[in-house]
Amino acid sequence: MLKVLTYNIHYWEGSDGVGDVDRTIEVLCATGADLIGLNEVYHPALRPGSDQPILEYMAEKMGMHYAYAQAQSFPLAFRRPGNSFGNALLSRYPILASAAHHLTPVPGHTPRGLLEARVQLPDGRPPLTVYVTHLDPRDEETRLIQTQAVLSWTGRDRHRPHILMGDLNTYHPDDYATAESLAEFQALVDELEWTFYEAHVIPRLLKAGYQDAWMLAGRGEAATYEAPNALFRIDFILVSDMLAPDVRACYRWDADPAPLASDHYPVVAELAI
């Protein structure tokens, strides 16, 4: 069984405002995940009092390999460590190759990226390609433009099993499939003084041949943001059609200290590969 996890770690800062790398590691280790996609990673941010990058420390502490893909860079500011922000993958198995892809820039919106990694699975199983991304938080049309860029890269694997995961900052229309649930969703959006929008990103990804692990085998609470009292599911593990029959379970990991370790909950999928 292969356990895959996606997690926006909020640069190791919890919903309690405390930055605690070891708490993040505790959450991840408890899940038993083999492949871990991370969003909002600052690299090469250093551990306090050390010259070791935090991401490297995490991988070493967990006995895992890692890859990183920068999405944007900026000078040190607002207490944020390091000067590069992006996506990462932690893997129990060797990472054969990795690449950082920049998504189509949209004026007025921060740059976004896509991490591509080829992982050597054990026991003679063929390598698996894993993609990790984090889309724009503000605008669905911008996310759709970024999604088209993602698909221009993942399309090379359309005839091979692969996984696309991350914080997509959008919703799945089927989460609100009834008129009643959609009305409740719109009322919640209005109460928060946000702007309701029609979802385009997930339908586009489904049209491209992806299936949502949660829709295939989800159980328990679905909402991932904003922890600890999450209201929306915006973190996804999507599998290519060839992997869909292998999805056995998908669930939010909310055991302590996950409710405090980030402003998102991790999502785990179990695949029989």
Foldseek 3Di string as FASTA:
>chain_A
DAKEKEEAQLQQAWPVRDRDLVQVLVLVVVVVHAKYKYFFHAPQFDDVPDPHRSVVVSLVVNVWDKDWAFFAFDDDDPVRGHTTGAMMMTHNFDWPDKDKAWFDDDPPFGTWIKIWTWGDDPDPDHIEIEIEIAATQADQVRLQSRLVRVCVVCVVCLVPKYKYWYQSNFADVVVQVDPVSVVVVVVVCVVVVHDDDDHDNVVVVVVSAKDWLCVLAEDDDQFWAQAPVGDGHRTTMIIGNVQSVFWHHKYWDDPPPQRTRHRTTMIMIDGPD
